[in-house]
C-alpha atoms as a PDB file:
ATOM      1  CA  MET A   1    -203.528 -49.875 -56.901  1.00  0.00           C
ATOM      2  CA  THR A   2    -202.591 -52.472 -54.292  1.00  0.00           C
ATOM      3  CA  MET A   3    -204.761 -50.824 -51.645  1.00  0.00           C
ATOM      4  CA  SER A   4    -207.737 -50.752 -53.997  1.00  0.00           C
ATOM      5  CA  ILE A   5    -207.377 -54.532 -54.540  1.00  0.00           C
ATOM      6  CA  LEU A   6    -206.918 -55.354 -50.822  1.00  0.00           C
ATOM      7  CA  ARG A   7    -209.869 -53.288 -49.643  1.00  0.00           C
ATOM      8  CA  PRO A   8    -212.579 -55.463 -51.271  1.00  0.00           C
ATOM      9  CA  ARG A   9    -210.855 -58.571 -49.902  1.00  0.00           C
ATOM     10  CA  TRP A  10    -210.850 -57.200 -46.355  1.00  0.00           C
ATOM     11  CA  LEU A  11    -214.467 -56.152 -46.721  1.00  0.00           C
ATOM     12  CA  LEU A  12    -215.364 -59.629 -47.954  1.00  0.00           C
ATOM     13  CA  LEU A  13    -213.505 -61.283 -45.045  1.00  0.00           C
ATOM     14  CA  ALA A  14    -215.192 -58.943 -42.567  1.00  0.00           C
ATOM     15  CA  LEU A  15    -218.589 -59.759 -44.057  1.00  0.00           C
ATOM     16  CA  LEU A  16    -217.905 -63.503 -43.904  1.00  0.00           C
ATOM     17  CA  PHE A  17    -216.723 -63.201 -40.291  1.00  0.00           C
ATOM     18  CA  ALA A  18    -219.887 -61.265 -39.370  1.00  0.00           C
ATOM     19  CA  LEU A  19    -222.053 -63.926 -41.027  1.00  0.00           C
ATOM     20  CA  VAL A  20    -220.248 -66.710 -39.132  1.00  0.00           C
ATOM     21  CA  VAL A  21    -220.677 -64.879 -35.816  1.00  0.00           C
ATOM     22  CA  LEU A  22    -224.348 -64.260 -36.591  1.00  0.00           C
ATOM     23  CA  GLY A  23    -224.823 -67.934 -37.446  1.00  0.00           C
ATOM     24  CA  VAL A  24    -223.165 -69.085 -34.221  1.00  0.00           C
ATOM     25  CA  LEU A  25    -225.238 -66.684 -32.109  1.00  0.00           C
ATOM     26  CA  THR A  26    -228.414 -67.746 -33.909  1.00  0.00           C
ATOM     27  CA  PHE A  27    -227.601 -71.391 -33.159  1.00  0.00           C
ATOM     28  CA  LEU A  28    -226.669 -70.788 -29.502  1.00  0.00           C
ATOM     29  CA  PHE A  29    -229.521 -68.435 -28.612  1.00  0.00           C
ATOM     30  CA  HIS A  30    -232.192 -69.821 -30.975  1.00  0.00           C
ATOM     31  CA  TRP A  31    -232.833 -66.394 -32.478  1.00  0.00           C
ATOM     32  CA  ASP A  32    -234.554 -67.978 -35.484  1.00  0.00           C
ATOM     33  CA  ASP A  33    -236.881 -69.985 -33.221  1.00  0.00           C
ATOM     34  CA  ARG A  34    -237.651 -66.906 -31.145  1.00  0.00           C
ATOM     35  CA  ALA A  35    -238.431 -64.938 -34.301  1.00  0.00           C
ATOM     36  CA  ARG A  36    -240.906 -67.614 -35.417  1.00  0.00           C
ATOM     37  CA  LEU A  37    -242.510 -67.702 -31.966  1.00  0.00           C
ATOM     38  CA  TRP A  38    -242.715 -63.898 -31.922  1.00  0.00           C
ATOM     39  CA  LEU A  39    -244.497 -63.956 -35.293  1.00  0.00           C
ATOM     40  CA  HIS A  40    -246.861 -66.614 -33.950  1.00  0.00           C
ATOM     41  CA  GLU A  41    -247.599 -64.397 -30.934  1.00  0.00           C
ATOM     42  CA  GLN A  42    -248.594 -61.525 -33.215  1.00  0.00           C
ATOM     43  CA  ASP A  43    -251.274 -63.687 -34.851  1.00  0.00           C
ATOM     44  CA  ALA A  44    -252.667 -65.134 -31.606  1.00  0.00           C
ATOM     45  CA  SER A  45    -256.352 -64.440 -31.081  1.00  0.00           C
ATOM     46  CA  GLN A  46    -257.796 -62.914 -27.916  1.00  0.00           C
ATOM     47  CA  GLN A  47    -259.183 -66.326 -27.018  1.00  0.00           C
ATOM     48  CA  GLU A  48    -255.750 -67.972 -27.366  1.00  0.00           C
ATOM     49  CA  ARG A  49    -254.264 -65.269 -25.162  1.00  0.00           C
ATOM     50  CA  ALA A  50    -257.020 -65.667 -22.593  1.00  0.00           C
ATOM     51  CA  GLU A  51    -256.472 -69.426 -22.428  1.00  0.00           C
ATOM     52  CA  SER A  52    -252.739 -69.077 -21.771  1.00  0.00           C
ATOM     53  CA  ILE A  53    -250.467 -67.292 -19.314  1.00  0.00           C
ATOM     54  CA  TRP A  54    -249.510 -64.914 -22.144  1.00  0.00           C
ATOM     55  CA  LEU A  55    -246.098 -63.664 -21.053  1.00  0.00           C
ATOM     56  CA  PRO A  56    -245.847 -60.617 -23.384  1.00  0.00           C
ATOM     57  CA  GLY A  57    -248.488 -58.921 -21.205  1.00  0.00           C
ATOM     58  CA  TYR A  58    -246.298 -59.029 -18.080  1.00  0.00           C
ATOM     59  CA  ARG A  59    -244.208 -56.230 -16.582  1.00  0.00           C
ATOM     60  CA  ALA A  60    -241.831 -56.167 -13.627  1.00  0.00           C
ATOM     61  CA  VAL A  61    -243.370 -54.507 -10.554  1.00  0.00           C
ATOM     62  CA  ILE A  62    -240.636 -55.494  -8.066  1.00  0.00           C
ATOM     63  CA  GLN A  63    -237.107 -55.893  -9.341  1.00  0.00           C
ATOM     64  CA  ALA A  64    -233.659 -56.667  -7.934  1.00  0.00           C
ATOM     65  CA  LYS A  65    -234.899 -56.575  -4.340  1.00  0.00           C
ATOM     66  CA  PRO A  66    -232.114 -57.974  -2.109  1.00  0.00           C
ATOM     67  CA  LEU A  67    -233.121 -61.041  -0.100  1.00  0.00           C
ATOM     68  CA  LYS A  68    -231.937 -60.649   3.476  1.00  0.00           C
ATOM     69  CA  GLY A  69    -232.716 -62.441   6.735  1.00  0.00           C
ATOM     70  CA  GLY A  70    -229.868 -64.964   6.577  1.00  0.00           C
ATOM     71  CA  ILE A  71    -229.642 -65.879   2.890  1.00  0.00           C
ATOM     72  CA  GLU A  72    -227.585 -62.940   1.638  1.00  0.00           C
ATOM     73  CA  GLY A  73    -225.083 -64.131  -0.976  1.00  0.00           C
ATOM     74  CA  GLN A  74    -226.115 -67.772  -0.553  1.00  0.00           C
ATOM     75  CA  GLU A  75    -226.988 -68.348  -4.242  1.00  0.00           C
ATOM     76  CA  THR A  76    -230.760 -68.717  -4.257  1.00  0.00           C
ATOM     77  CA  SER A  77    -231.932 -71.408  -6.627  1.00  0.00           C
ATOM     78  CA  ASP A  78    -235.479 -72.253  -7.697  1.00  0.00           C
ATOM     79  CA  LEU A  79    -238.752 -71.000  -6.261  1.00  0.00           C
ATOM     80  CA  ALA A  80    -242.099 -72.616  -5.395  1.00  0.00           C
ATOM     81  CA  TYR A  81    -245.473 -71.182  -4.414  1.00  0.00           C
ATOM     82  CA  ASN A  82    -247.496 -72.592  -1.508  1.00  0.00           C
ATOM     83  CA  PRO A  83    -251.227 -71.952  -2.139  1.00  0.00           C
ATOM     84  CA  VAL A  84    -252.145 -72.901   1.448  1.00  0.00           C
ATOM     85  CA  THR A  85    -249.930 -70.335   3.189  1.00  0.00           C
ATOM     86  CA  ARG A  86    -249.626 -67.957   0.209  1.00  0.00           C
ATOM     87  CA  THR A  87    -245.872 -67.873   0.669  1.00  0.00           C
ATOM     88  CA  LEU A  88    -242.871 -68.881  -1.428  1.00  0.00           C
ATOM     89  CA  PHE A  89    -240.042 -71.344  -0.818  1.00  0.00           C
ATOM     90  CA  THR A  90    -236.521 -71.188  -2.225  1.00  0.00           C
ATOM     91  CA  VAL A  91    -233.331 -73.158  -1.639  1.00  0.00           C
ATOM     92  CA  THR A  92    -229.738 -71.964  -1.505  1.00  0.00           C
ATOM     93  CA  GLY A  93    -226.753 -73.831  -2.906  1.00  0.00           C
ATOM     94  CA  LYS A  94    -223.791 -72.204  -1.219  1.00  0.00           C
ATOM     95  CA  LYS A  95    -225.042 -73.244   2.210  1.00  0.00           C
ATOM     96  CA  PRO A  96    -227.882 -75.808   2.034  1.00  0.00           C
ATOM     97  CA  LEU A  97    -230.945 -73.906   3.261  1.00  0.00           C
ATOM     98  CA  LEU A  98    -234.695 -73.839   2.672  1.00  0.00           C
ATOM     99  CA  ALA A  99    -236.119 -70.332   3.050  1.00  0.00           C
ATOM    100  CA  GLU A 100    -239.750 -69.241   3.229  1.00  0.00           C
ATOM    101  CA  LEU A 101    -240.512 -65.846   1.687  1.00  0.00           C
ATOM    102  CA  SER A 102    -243.460 -63.484   1.626  1.00  0.00           C
ATOM    103  CA  LEU A 103    -244.967 -62.588  -1.755  1.00  0.00           C
ATOM    104  CA  THR A 104    -243.064 -59.312  -1.611  1.00  0.00           C
ATOM    105  CA  GLY A 105    -239.677 -60.933  -1.036  1.00  0.00           C
ATOM    106  CA  ASP A 106    -239.256 -60.714   2.738  1.00  0.00           C
ATOM    107  CA  VAL A 107    -237.545 -63.689   4.388  1.00  0.00           C
ATOM    108  CA  LEU A 108    -239.931 -65.222   6.942  1.00  0.00           C
ATOM    109  CA  ARG A 109    -237.735 -68.087   8.148  1.00  0.00           C
ATOM    110  CA  VAL A 110    -234.627 -70.045   7.186  1.00  0.00           C
ATOM    111  CA  ILE A 111    -234.446 -73.829   7.652  1.00  0.00           C
ATOM    112  CA  PRO A 112    -231.071 -75.664   7.468  1.00  0.00           C
ATOM    113  CA  LEU A 113    -231.053 -78.711   5.162  1.00  0.00           C
ATOM    114  CA  LEU A 114    -228.796 -81.186   6.943  1.00  0.00           C
ATOM    115  CA  GLY A 115    -227.331 -83.936   4.782  1.00  0.00           C
ATOM    116  CA  MET A 116    -227.815 -82.102   1.493  1.00  0.00           C
ATOM    117  CA  SER A 117    -224.870 -81.125  -0.669  1.00  0.00           C
ATOM    118  CA  ASN A 118    -226.144 -78.773  -3.369  1.00  0.00           C
ATOM    119  CA  PRO A 119    -229.931 -78.185  -3.309  1.00  0.00           C
ATOM    120  CA  GLU A 120    -231.032 -76.707  -6.629  1.00  0.00           C
ATOM    121  CA  GLY A 121    -234.757 -77.399  -7.014  1.00  0.00           C
ATOM    122  CA  VAL A 122    -237.814 -77.070  -4.765  1.00  0.00           C
ATOM    123  CA  ALA A 123    -241.497 -77.942  -5.275  1.00  0.00           C
ATOM    124  CA  VAL A 124    -244.428 -77.584  -2.866  1.00  0.00           C
ATOM    125  CA  MET A 125    -246.599 -80.711  -3.084  1.00  0.00           C
ATOM    126  CA  GLU A 126    -249.596 -81.761  -0.951  1.00  0.00           C
ATOM    127  CA  ASN A 127    -250.176 -81.751   2.828  1.00  0.00           C
ATOM    128  CA  GLY A 128    -246.975 -79.924   3.759  1.00  0.00           C
ATOM    129  CA  ASN A 129    -244.666 -82.076   1.630  1.00  0.00           C
ATOM    130  CA  ILE A 130    -241.840 -80.256  -0.105  1.00  0.00           C
ATOM    131  CA  ALA A 131    -239.578 -81.916  -2.680  1.00  0.00           C
ATOM    132  CA  VAL A 132    -235.956 -80.781  -2.919  1.00  0.00           C
ATOM    133  CA  THR A 133    -233.439 -81.911  -5.547  1.00  0.00           C
ATOM    134  CA  ASP A 134    -229.725 -82.190  -4.843  1.00  0.00           C
ATOM    135  CA  GLU A 135    -227.915 -81.619  -8.121  1.00  0.00           C
ATOM    136  CA  ARG A 136    -224.530 -82.847  -6.910  1.00  0.00           C
ATOM    137  CA  LYS A 137    -225.988 -86.129  -5.621  1.00  0.00           C
ATOM    138  CA  ASN A 138    -228.576 -86.215  -8.417  1.00  0.00           C
ATOM    139  CA  SER A 139    -231.259 -87.147  -5.901  1.00  0.00           C
ATOM    140  CA  LEU A 140    -234.693 -85.991  -4.770  1.00  0.00           C
ATOM    141  CA  THR A 141    -235.828 -85.900  -1.143  1.00  0.00           C
ATOM    142  CA  ILE A 142    -239.322 -85.113   0.152  1.00  0.00           C
ATOM    143  CA  PHE A 143    -239.533 -83.305   3.487  1.00  0.00           C
ATOM    144  CA  HIS A 144    -242.574 -82.533   5.614  1.00  0.00           C
ATOM    145  CA  VAL A 145    -242.668 -78.848   6.589  1.00  0.00           C
ATOM    146  CA  ASP A 146    -245.078 -77.223   9.027  1.00  0.00           C
ATOM    147  CA  PRO A 147    -245.103 -73.858  10.851  1.00  0.00           C
ATOM    148  CA  GLN A 148    -242.965 -75.326  13.668  1.00  0.00           C
ATOM    149  CA  THR A 149    -240.215 -76.741  11.410  1.00  0.00           C
ATOM    150  CA  ARG A 150    -236.826 -75.232  12.227  1.00  0.00           C
ATOM    151  CA  GLU A 151    -234.468 -77.866  10.806  1.00  0.00           C
ATOM    152  CA  LEU A 152    -234.648 -80.666   8.216  1.00  0.00           C
ATOM    153  CA  SER A 153    -232.398 -83.690   7.815  1.00  0.00           C
ATOM    154  CA  THR A 154    -232.059 -86.435   5.226  1.00  0.00           C
ATOM    155  CA  GLU A 155    -230.728 -88.898   7.843  1.00  0.00           C
ATOM    156  CA  LYS A 156    -233.968 -90.842   8.362  1.00  0.00           C
ATOM    157  CA  LEU A 157    -235.459 -90.176   4.943  1.00  0.00           C
ATOM    158  CA  SER A 158    -235.111 -92.133   1.722  1.00  0.00           C
ATOM    159  CA  SER A 159    -234.036 -90.196  -1.338  1.00  0.00           C
ATOM    160  CA  PHE A 160    -235.141 -90.924  -4.890  1.00  0.00           C
ATOM    161  CA  ASP A 161    -232.165 -91.619  -7.172  1.00  0.00           C
ATOM    162  CA  LEU A 162    -232.507 -89.543 -10.317  1.00  0.00           C
ATOM    163  CA  GLY A 163    -229.869 -91.612 -12.115  1.00  0.00           C
ATOM    164  CA  PRO A 164    -226.593 -90.739 -13.875  1.00  0.00           C
ATOM    165  CA  ARG A 165    -228.095 -88.066 -16.100  1.00  0.00           C
ATOM    166  CA  GLY A 166    -225.909 -85.252 -17.380  1.00  0.00           C
ATOM    167  CA  LYS A 167    -222.468 -84.081 -16.337  1.00  0.00           C
ATOM    168  CA  LYS A 168    -221.410 -82.821 -12.933  1.00  0.00           C
ATOM    169  CA  ASN A 169    -223.525 -79.827 -11.894  1.00  0.00           C
ATOM    170  CA  LYS A 170    -225.542 -80.164 -15.090  1.00  0.00           C
ATOM    171  CA  GLY A 171    -228.068 -82.735 -13.901  1.00  0.00           C
ATOM    172  CA  ILE A 172    -231.675 -82.386 -12.736  1.00  0.00           C
ATOM    173  CA  GLU A 173    -232.156 -78.805 -11.584  1.00  0.00           C
ATOM    174  CA  GLY A 174    -235.711 -77.555 -12.104  1.00  0.00           C
ATOM    175  CA  ILE A 175    -238.681 -79.241 -10.430  1.00  0.00           C
ATOM    176  CA  ALA A 176    -242.390 -78.396 -10.192  1.00  0.00           C
ATOM    177  CA  TRP A 177    -245.517 -80.075  -8.801  1.00  0.00           C
ATOM    178  CA  ASP A 178    -248.335 -80.645 -11.295  1.00  0.00           C
ATOM    179  CA  PRO A 179    -251.513 -81.296  -9.234  1.00  0.00           C
ATOM    180  CA  ARG A 180    -253.723 -81.689 -12.311  1.00  0.00           C
ATOM    181  CA  GLN A 181    -251.768 -84.636 -13.663  1.00  0.00           C
ATOM    182  CA  GLN A 182    -250.495 -85.896 -10.293  1.00  0.00           C
ATOM    183  CA  ARG A 183    -246.838 -85.741 -11.176  1.00  0.00           C
ATOM    184  CA  LEU A 184    -243.577 -83.964 -10.598  1.00  0.00           C
ATOM    185  CA  VAL A 185    -242.042 -82.293 -13.647  1.00  0.00           C
ATOM    186  CA  LEU A 186    -238.245 -82.163 -13.672  1.00  0.00           C
ATOM    187  CA  GLY A 187    -235.804 -80.348 -15.906  1.00  0.00           C
ATOM    188  CA  GLN A 188    -232.266 -81.412 -16.697  1.00  0.00           C
ATOM    189  CA  GLU A 189    -230.100 -78.322 -16.981  1.00  0.00           C
ATOM    190  CA  ARG A 190    -228.332 -79.371 -20.203  1.00  0.00           C
ATOM    191  CA  ASP A 191    -226.026 -81.923 -21.885  1.00  0.00           C
ATOM    192  CA  PRO A 192    -228.657 -82.926 -22.810  1.00  0.00           C
ATOM    193  CA  LEU A 193    -231.333 -80.364 -22.043  1.00  0.00           C
ATOM    194  CA  ALA A 194    -234.503 -82.358 -21.275  1.00  0.00           C
ATOM    195  CA  LEU A 195    -237.784 -82.558 -19.346  1.00  0.00           C
ATOM    196  CA  PHE A 196    -239.058 -85.565 -17.381  1.00  0.00           C
ATOM    197  CA  SER A 197    -242.113 -86.469 -15.335  1.00  0.00           C
ATOM    198  CA  LEU A 198    -242.374 -88.623 -12.215  1.00  0.00           C
ATOM    199  CA  ALA A 199    -245.763 -89.926 -11.093  1.00  0.00           C
ATOM    200  CA  SER A 200    -246.793 -88.888  -7.576  1.00  0.00           C
ATOM    201  CA  ASP A 201    -249.892 -88.490  -5.438  1.00  0.00           C
ATOM    202  CA  GLY A 202    -248.313 -85.607  -3.552  1.00  0.00           C
ATOM    203  CA  SER A 203    -247.232 -87.770  -0.609  1.00  0.00           C
ATOM    204  CA  ALA A 204    -243.732 -88.477   0.718  1.00  0.00           C
ATOM    205  CA  SER A 205    -243.357 -91.706  -1.272  1.00  0.00           C
ATOM    206  CA  LEU A 206    -242.218 -91.954  -4.866  1.00  0.00           C
ATOM    207  CA  HIS A 207    -242.372 -94.961  -7.165  1.00  0.00           C
ATOM    208  CA  GLY A 208    -241.665 -95.738 -10.782  1.00  0.00           C
ATOM    209  CA  ALA A 209    -239.158 -94.152 -13.111  1.00  0.00           C
ATOM    210  CA  LEU A 210    -238.615 -90.849 -14.833  1.00  0.00           C
ATOM    211  CA  GLN A 211    -240.610 -90.532 -18.049  1.00  0.00           C
ATOM    212  CA  ALA A 212    -239.302 -88.399 -20.895  1.00  0.00           C
ATOM    213  CA  MET A 213    -241.457 -85.439 -21.894  1.00  0.00           C
ATOM    214  CA  PRO A 214    -241.417 -83.455 -25.167  1.00  0.00           C
ATOM    215  CA  SER A 215    -238.472 -81.068 -24.984  1.00  0.00           C
ATOM    216  CA  GLY A 216    -237.485 -80.506 -28.599  1.00  0.00           C
ATOM    217  CA  GLN A 217    -239.139 -77.067 -28.616  1.00  0.00           C
ATOM    218  CA  LEU A 218    -237.098 -75.579 -25.776  1.00  0.00           C
ATOM    219  CA  ILE A 219    -235.574 -72.512 -27.422  1.00  0.00           C
ATOM    220  CA  MET A 220    -232.937 -71.969 -24.758  1.00  0.00           C
ATOM    221  CA  ARG A 221    -229.402 -72.901 -23.746  1.00  0.00           C
ATOM    222  CA  ASN A 222    -230.223 -74.372 -20.333  1.00  0.00           C
ATOM    223  CA  VAL A 223    -233.122 -75.128 -17.979  1.00  0.00           C
ATOM    224  CA  SER A 224    -232.843 -73.316 -14.646  1.00  0.00           C
ATOM    225  CA  ALA A 225    -236.322 -73.752 -13.156  1.00  0.00           C
ATOM    226  CA  LEU A 226    -239.905 -74.861 -13.808  1.00  0.00           C
ATOM    227  CA  SER A 227    -243.366 -73.898 -12.577  1.00  0.00           C
ATOM    228  CA  ILE A 228    -246.883 -75.117 -13.411  1.00  0.00           C
ATOM    229  CA  ASP A 229    -249.667 -72.565 -13.814  1.00  0.00           C
ATOM    230  CA  PRO A 230    -252.603 -73.750 -11.630  1.00  0.00           C
ATOM    231  CA  ARG A 231    -255.116 -72.030 -13.939  1.00  0.00           C
ATOM    232  CA  THR A 232    -254.083 -73.365 -17.365  1.00  0.00           C
ATOM    233  CA  GLY A 233    -251.823 -76.325 -16.591  1.00  0.00           C
ATOM    234  CA  HIS A 234    -249.153 -74.707 -18.767  1.00  0.00           C
ATOM    235  CA  THR A 235    -245.473 -74.936 -17.822  1.00  0.00           C
ATOM    236  CA  LEU A 236    -243.101 -72.023 -17.294  1.00  0.00           C
ATOM    237  CA  VAL A 237    -239.500 -72.866 -18.208  1.00  0.00           C
ATOM    238  CA  LEU A 238    -236.772 -70.485 -17.075  1.00  0.00           C
ATOM    239  CA  SER A 239    -233.309 -70.208 -18.609  1.00  0.00           C
ATOM    240  CA  ALA A 240    -230.592 -68.212 -16.858  1.00  0.00           C
ATOM    241  CA  GLU A 241    -228.111 -68.477 -19.727  1.00  0.00           C
ATOM    242  CA  SER A 242    -230.640 -67.405 -22.376  1.00  0.00           C
ATOM    243  CA  HIS A 243    -232.229 -64.712 -20.146  1.00  0.00           C
ATOM    244  CA  LEU A 244    -235.570 -66.176 -21.174  1.00  0.00           C
ATOM    245  CA  LEU A 245    -238.895 -67.271 -19.686  1.00  0.00           C
ATOM    246  CA  LEU A 246    -240.881 -69.611 -21.941  1.00  0.00           C
ATOM    247  CA  GLU A 247    -244.480 -70.843 -21.707  1.00  0.00           C
ATOM    248  CA  LEU A 248    -245.263 -74.373 -22.919  1.00  0.00           C
ATOM    249  CA  ASP A 249    -248.755 -75.802 -23.354  1.00  0.00           C
ATOM    250  CA  GLU A 250    -249.757 -79.243 -22.088  1.00  0.00           C
ATOM    251  CA  LYS A 251    -248.377 -80.829 -25.281  1.00  0.00           C
ATOM    252  CA  GLY A 252    -244.975 -79.221 -24.801  1.00  0.00           C
ATOM    253  CA  GLU A 253    -245.478 -76.665 -27.581  1.00  0.00           C
ATOM    254  CA  PRO A 254    -244.208 -73.070 -27.096  1.00  0.00           C
ATOM    255  CA  VAL A 255    -246.987 -70.534 -26.535  1.00  0.00           C
ATOM    256  CA  SER A 256    -245.283 -67.296 -25.513  1.00  0.00           C
ATOM    257  CA  PHE A 257    -242.042 -65.925 -24.074  1.00  0.00           C
ATOM    258  CA  ILE A 258    -240.397 -62.861 -22.575  1.00  0.00           C
ATOM    259  CA  SER A 259    -236.778 -61.782 -22.504  1.00  0.00           C
ATOM    260  CA  LEU A 260    -235.226 -60.949 -19.131  1.00  0.00           C
ATOM    261  CA  LEU A 261    -232.900 -58.260 -20.471  1.00  0.00           C
ATOM    262  CA  GLY A 262    -232.830 -54.657 -19.337  1.00  0.00           C
ATOM    263  CA  GLY A 263    -235.204 -52.310 -21.138  1.00  0.00           C
ATOM    264  CA  LEU A 264    -237.736 -55.070 -21.826  1.00  0.00           C
ATOM    265  CA  ASN A 265    -240.900 -56.001 -19.900  1.00  0.00           C
ATOM    266  CA  GLY A 266    -240.376 -53.185 -17.417  1.00  0.00           C
ATOM    267  CA  LEU A 267    -236.883 -54.306 -16.350  1.00  0.00           C
ATOM    268  CA  HIS A 268    -234.381 -51.513 -15.718  1.00  0.00           C
ATOM    269  CA  GLU A 269    -231.454 -53.946 -15.998  1.00  0.00           C
ATOM    270  CA  LYS A 270    -231.152 -57.572 -17.031  1.00  0.00           C
ATOM    271  CA  ILE A 271    -231.745 -60.223 -14.394  1.00  0.00           C
ATOM    272  CA  PRO A 272    -228.165 -61.380 -13.641  1.00  0.00           C
ATOM    273  CA  ARG A 273    -228.801 -65.115 -13.354  1.00  0.00           C
ATOM    274  CA  ALA A 274    -232.464 -66.078 -13.054  1.00  0.00           C
ATOM    275  CA  GLU A 275    -232.552 -69.391 -11.169  1.00  0.00           C
ATOM    276  CA  GLY A 276    -236.123 -69.714  -9.861  1.00  0.00           C
ATOM    277  CA  VAL A 277    -239.685 -69.045 -11.031  1.00  0.00           C
ATOM    278  CA  ALA A 278    -243.136 -69.544  -9.488  1.00  0.00           C
ATOM    279  CA  ILE A 279    -246.679 -68.545 -10.423  1.00  0.00           C
ATOM    280  CA  ASP A 280    -249.729 -68.232  -8.156  1.00  0.00           C
ATOM    281  CA  GLU A 281    -253.462 -68.696  -8.744  1.00  0.00           C
ATOM    282  CA  GLN A 282    -253.803 -65.010  -9.647  1.00  0.00           C
ATOM    283  CA  GLY A 283    -251.213 -65.356 -12.406  1.00  0.00           C
ATOM    284  CA  THR A 284    -248.537 -63.299 -10.629  1.00  0.00           C
ATOM    285  CA  ILE A 285    -245.037 -64.502 -11.506  1.00  0.00           C
ATOM    286  CA  TYR A 286    -242.165 -64.490  -8.992  1.00  0.00           C
ATOM    287  CA  MET A 287    -238.457 -64.958  -9.694  1.00  0.00           C
ATOM    288  CA  VAL A 288    -235.191 -65.226  -7.817  1.00  0.00           C
ATOM    289  CA  SER A 289    -231.738 -64.613  -9.218  1.00  0.00           C
ATOM    290  CA  GLU A 290    -228.307 -65.487  -7.914  1.00  0.00           C
ATOM    291  CA  PRO A 291    -226.893 -64.439  -5.620  1.00  0.00           C
ATOM    292  CA  ASP A 292    -229.929 -63.103  -3.675  1.00  0.00           C
ATOM    293  CA  LEU A 293    -232.293 -60.966  -5.773  1.00  0.00           C
ATOM    294  CA  PHE A 294    -236.107 -61.077  -5.926  1.00  0.00           C
ATOM    295  CA  TYR A 295    -238.494 -60.075  -8.740  1.00  0.00           C
ATOM    296  CA  VAL A 296    -242.266 -59.927  -9.291  1.00  0.00           C
ATOM    297  CA  PHE A 297    -244.049 -59.694 -12.654  1.00  0.00           C
ATOM    298  CA  LYS A 298    -247.733 -58.873 -13.078  1.00  0.00           C
ATOM    299  CA  ARG A 299    -249.931 -58.715 -16.121  1.00  0.00           C
ATOM    300  CA  GLU A 300    -250.747 -55.202 -17.245  1.00  0.00           C
ATOM    301  CA  PRO A 301    -254.362 -54.161 -16.504  1.00  0.00           C
ATOM    302  CA  GLU A 302    -255.109 -53.299 -20.103  1.00  0.00           C
ATOM    303  CA  GLN A 303    -253.846 -56.715 -21.225  1.00  0.00           C
ATOM    304  CA  ALA A 304    -255.918 -58.503 -18.609  1.00  0.00           C
ATOM    305  CA  GLY A 305    -258.937 -56.407 -19.502  1.00  0.00           C
ATOM    306  CA  ALA A 306    -258.536 -57.132 -23.195  1.00  0.00           C
ATOM    307  CA  ASN A 307    -258.948 -60.836 -22.519  1.00  0.00           C
END
């Protein structure tokens, strides 16, 4: 008799516990927001898909390729595409380095970043200028890089103070160059999670202040990296903690997303900690993950043909 009374109580407690856990996970990982965005994706017309990056059509074609050539285990962070050289640039946080990569993930050269503490973001601007953020110092420095560059130093350069935003190691992390709107777009990792813009003509000088951008629709736990699509002007926002890549339109509204977990979008295993993303003029997406892994995503032919 006693057991028959206790059993419903235990079942009720177990059900309540499961509902609490589900509610917490929904809040942390924005499952409800993702569900709404997924439903919106299903109703998107072919024209809407053609006018966007349309992430659901992408599949991994290179995955978990180890980055060698001097940056093994150095915690790669962020990624930027150079349309002039058709190469990629990444920075490493364990030892401050700027590395140039081929589009297939081969290390072409490694450039020491003297005077930097914890480089986390990199953006290729105009005329050989490359912007690098230092999360620990919460600063941004613009270097000039050419084929002969073998070492870079902040000693004779002025750095842009990004201000006391966020907690230690949770400040400005992602950065991307937006040539259409002549600005740098920056992402604060979290606490609070936010996006900012900084006006620029692509040169080595920066003026003005950070301007807040719409960021209320970021369905993720943190911002790891940013990239601007040269074809659409849309922004890719990467989150390592949410294992998510999100596309925003020019108004900051979510358009599409993909999960970076194993078994989805051609991935055999989840991307451990996706810290960098870049997209080229063909729409190919590149990623790096800590500590030293490289990925490439391409749109499936049938998806591209359908548009």
